[in-house]
Amino acid sequence: MQTSAKELTIIRIGFEVVKIVDGDGLIVRNIINNKEEEIRLYGIDAPEIKPCAKLIQDERETHIPGSLLMTLGYESFAFLRNLVLPGTSISILQEVGNLTDKYGRTLAYIILPDGKSINEIMLENGYVKPYDKIFCSKLPEYQAIFLEAKRNRNGLFRNNLTF
């Protein structure tokens, strides 16, 4: 584990993707010790893919039926599954002070070998929205990317929906 000079982020290398959980989560494996951990992509939120309390909350907030939100969730899940195949090497960036969520999942920005952030790719392509329930230093940037994706009707916004 390496910490940046400003002590704001932790950079962890030597991981590979095991499987995609949903549109904003995946399981990764440390290639040194084979330990797996669940990652929640930091600063973004995809629609849910199964009934849960969050789906009910999203229904109330968006006025979109849960069945349609789950359909959108599966589209987001499929996009991420095609973007990052099992075995893909990745690096994990974390913000000090927000290392895990309330469910114990690791909060992280996932960086691909080409230096691109999965979190940002998901936003740019319109398959997630910014998540503001947990502090994220990139939130203003993510909000701008989100608005551009929505304006261009990318991904889930192609039918002018706002989830």
Protein backbone atom coordinates (compact mmCIF):
# COMPACT_ATOMS: atom_id res chain seq x y z
CA MET A 1 0.00 0.00 0.00
CA GLN A 2 1.25 3.44 -0.91
CA THR A 3 -0.08 6.75 0.39
CA SER A 4 0.11 9.90 -1.70
CA ALA A 5 2.25 12.83 -0.63
CA LYS A 6 -0.80 14.85 0.41
CA GLU A 7 -2.10 11.94 2.52
CA LEU A 8 -5.50 12.31 0.86
CA THR A 9 -5.50 9.14 -1.19
CA ILE A 10 -4.23 5.63 -0.79
CA ILE A 11 -3.05 3.85 -3.93
CA ARG A 12 -3.21 0.05 -3.90
CA ILE A 13 -1.79 -1.93 -6.81
CA GLY A 14 -1.72 -5.62 -7.74
CA PHE A 15 -5.42 -6.44 -8.03
CA GLU A 16 -7.52 -8.16 -10.66
CA VAL A 17 -11.25 -8.24 -11.25
CA VAL A 18 -12.99 -11.46 -10.17
CA LYS A 19 -16.59 -10.55 -11.03
CA ILE A 20 -19.03 -7.70 -11.47
CA VAL A 21 -21.71 -7.50 -8.77
CA ASP A 22 -23.94 -4.78 -10.24
CA GLY A 23 -23.60 -1.40 -11.98
CA ASP A 24 -21.47 0.13 -9.23
CA GLY A 25 -19.84 -2.83 -7.51
CA LEU A 26 -17.32 -5.57 -8.17
CA ILE A 27 -15.23 -8.23 -6.48
CA VAL A 28 -11.45 -7.97 -6.83
CA ARG A 29 -8.59 -10.23 -5.81
CA ASN A 30 -5.19 -9.24 -4.48
CA ILE A 31 -2.74 -11.10 -6.74
CA ILE A 32 -0.17 -11.43 -3.93
CA ASN A 33 -2.27 -13.02 -1.17
CA ASN A 34 -5.36 -14.10 -3.18
CA LYS A 35 -7.63 -12.22 -0.75
CA GLU A 36 -10.89 -11.04 -2.31
CA GLU A 37 -12.75 -7.88 -1.40
CA GLU A 38 -15.94 -6.23 -2.55
CA ILE A 39 -15.53 -2.77 -4.04
CA ARG A 40 -18.25 -0.13 -4.15
CA LEU A 41 -17.33 2.36 -6.87
CA TYR A 42 -16.79 5.65 -5.12
CA GLY A 43 -18.82 8.74 -5.98
CA ILE A 44 -21.31 7.06 -8.31
CA ASP A 45 -24.64 5.26 -8.04
CA ALA A 46 -26.26 2.83 -10.48
CA PRO A 47 -29.92 1.80 -10.37
CA GLU A 48 -30.59 -1.33 -8.29
CA ILE A 49 -30.93 -4.74 -9.95
CA LYS A 50 -33.08 -6.40 -7.29
CA PRO A 51 -35.81 -5.37 -4.86
CA CYS A 52 -34.44 -3.69 -1.73
CA ALA A 53 -34.97 -0.65 0.49
CA LYS A 54 -32.77 1.49 -1.80
CA LEU A 55 -34.98 0.61 -4.78
CA ILE A 56 -38.07 1.77 -2.88
CA GLN A 57 -36.27 5.00 -1.94
CA ASP A 58 -35.22 5.53 -5.58
CA GLU A 59 -38.82 4.95 -6.72
CA ARG A 60 -40.03 7.67 -4.35
CA GLU A 61 -37.29 10.12 -5.35
CA THR A 62 -37.43 9.59 -9.14
CA HIS A 63 -41.12 8.72 -9.60
CA ILE A 64 -39.99 5.86 -11.84
CA PRO A 65 -41.49 2.39 -11.20
CA GLY A 66 -39.14 -0.08 -9.52
CA SER A 67 -39.45 -2.54 -12.40
CA LEU A 68 -38.14 0.09 -14.84
CA LEU A 69 -35.36 1.10 -12.43
CA MET A 70 -34.28 -2.56 -12.21
CA THR A 71 -34.27 -2.77 -16.02
CA LEU A 72 -32.00 0.28 -16.08
CA GLY A 73 -29.91 -1.32 -13.35
CA TYR A 74 -29.36 -4.39 -15.51
CA GLU A 75 -28.29 -2.15 -18.41
CA SER A 76 -25.75 -0.47 -16.16
CA PHE A 77 -24.59 -3.89 -14.89
CA ALA A 78 -24.20 -5.17 -18.48
CA PHE A 79 -22.19 -2.10 -19.49
CA LEU A 80 -19.78 -2.55 -16.57
CA ARG A 81 -19.53 -6.31 -17.21
CA ASN A 82 -18.51 -5.61 -20.83
CA LEU A 83 -16.13 -2.82 -19.80
CA VAL A 84 -14.17 -4.84 -17.23
CA LEU A 85 -13.69 -8.54 -17.82
CA PRO A 86 -12.66 -10.99 -15.09
CA GLY A 87 -8.88 -11.10 -14.88
CA THR A 88 -8.45 -7.42 -15.78
CA SER A 89 -5.58 -5.87 -13.80
CA ILE A 90 -6.64 -2.80 -11.84
CA SER A 91 -5.38 -0.35 -9.24
CA ILE A 92 -7.45 0.91 -6.35
CA LEU A 93 -7.50 4.55 -5.19
CA GLN A 94 -9.14 5.38 -1.89
CA GLU A 95 -9.76 8.63 -0.03
CA VAL A 96 -8.49 8.69 3.52
CA GLY A 97 -11.46 9.03 5.87
CA ASN A 98 -13.86 7.17 3.55
CA LEU A 99 -12.35 3.73 3.11
CA THR A 100 -15.50 1.63 3.55
CA ASP A 101 -19.26 2.08 3.40
CA LYS A 102 -21.76 1.11 6.10
CA TYR A 103 -21.91 -2.43 4.67
CA GLY A 104 -18.15 -2.93 4.98
CA ARG A 105 -17.46 -2.70 1.25
CA THR A 106 -14.28 -0.96 0.14
CA LEU A 107 -14.99 2.46 -1.37
CA ALA A 108 -12.67 3.07 -4.29
CA TYR A 109 -11.91 4.61 -7.62
CA ILE A 110 -10.87 1.74 -9.90
CA ILE A 111 -8.11 2.53 -12.38
CA LEU A 112 -7.57 0.43 -15.50
CA PRO A 113 -4.11 -0.36 -16.92
CA ASP A 114 -4.52 2.52 -19.43
CA GLY A 115 -4.98 4.97 -16.54
CA LYS A 116 -8.70 5.49 -17.06
CA SER A 117 -11.12 5.46 -14.12
CA ILE A 118 -14.02 3.00 -14.30
CA ASN A 119 -16.03 5.42 -12.15
CA GLU A 120 -15.63 8.19 -14.75
CA ILE A 121 -16.22 5.90 -17.74
CA MET A 122 -19.53 4.80 -16.20
CA LEU A 123 -20.53 8.47 -15.74
CA GLU A 124 -19.39 9.59 -19.21
CA ASN A 125 -21.40 6.84 -20.84
CA GLY A 126 -24.55 7.63 -18.86
CA TYR A 127 -24.90 4.44 -16.83
CA VAL A 128 -24.62 5.93 -13.34
CA LYS A 129 -25.27 9.20 -11.53
CA PRO A 130 -23.11 11.01 -8.98
CA TYR A 131 -23.58 9.78 -5.41
CA ASP A 132 -23.56 12.49 -2.76
CA LYS A 133 -24.48 10.52 0.38
CA ILE A 134 -20.78 9.90 1.19
CA PHE A 135 -18.20 12.67 0.83
CA CYS A 136 -16.31 12.38 -2.45
CA SER A 137 -13.67 14.94 -3.45
CA LYS A 138 -14.51 14.37 -7.13
CA LEU A 139 -18.24 15.08 -6.71
CA PRO A 140 -18.23 18.49 -8.48
CA GLU A 141 -16.32 16.95 -11.41
CA TYR A 142 -18.66 13.94 -11.43
CA GLN A 143 -21.72 16.22 -11.45
CA ALA A 144 -20.37 18.03 -14.53
CA ILE A 145 -19.64 14.73 -16.32
CA PHE A 146 -23.14 13.51 -15.41
CA LEU A 147 -24.82 16.63 -16.80
CA GLU A 148 -22.89 16.29 -20.06
CA ALA A 149 -23.87 12.61 -20.40
CA LYS A 150 -27.50 13.47 -19.69
CA ARG A 151 -27.43 16.38 -22.18
CA ASN A 152 -25.99 14.06 -24.84
CA ARG A 153 -28.59 11.38 -23.95
CA ASN A 154 -25.89 8.77 -23.36
CA GLY A 155 -26.65 5.34 -21.96
CA LEU A 156 -29.66 5.27 -19.66
CA PHE A 157 -30.61 8.82 -20.69
CA ARG A 158 -31.27 7.91 -24.34
CA ASN A 159 -35.04 7.95 -23.63
CA ASN A 160 -34.81 11.22 -21.69
CA LEU A 161 -35.25 9.49 -18.31
CA THR A 162 -33.77 10.89 -15.14
CA PHE A 163 -33.07 8.26 -12.55
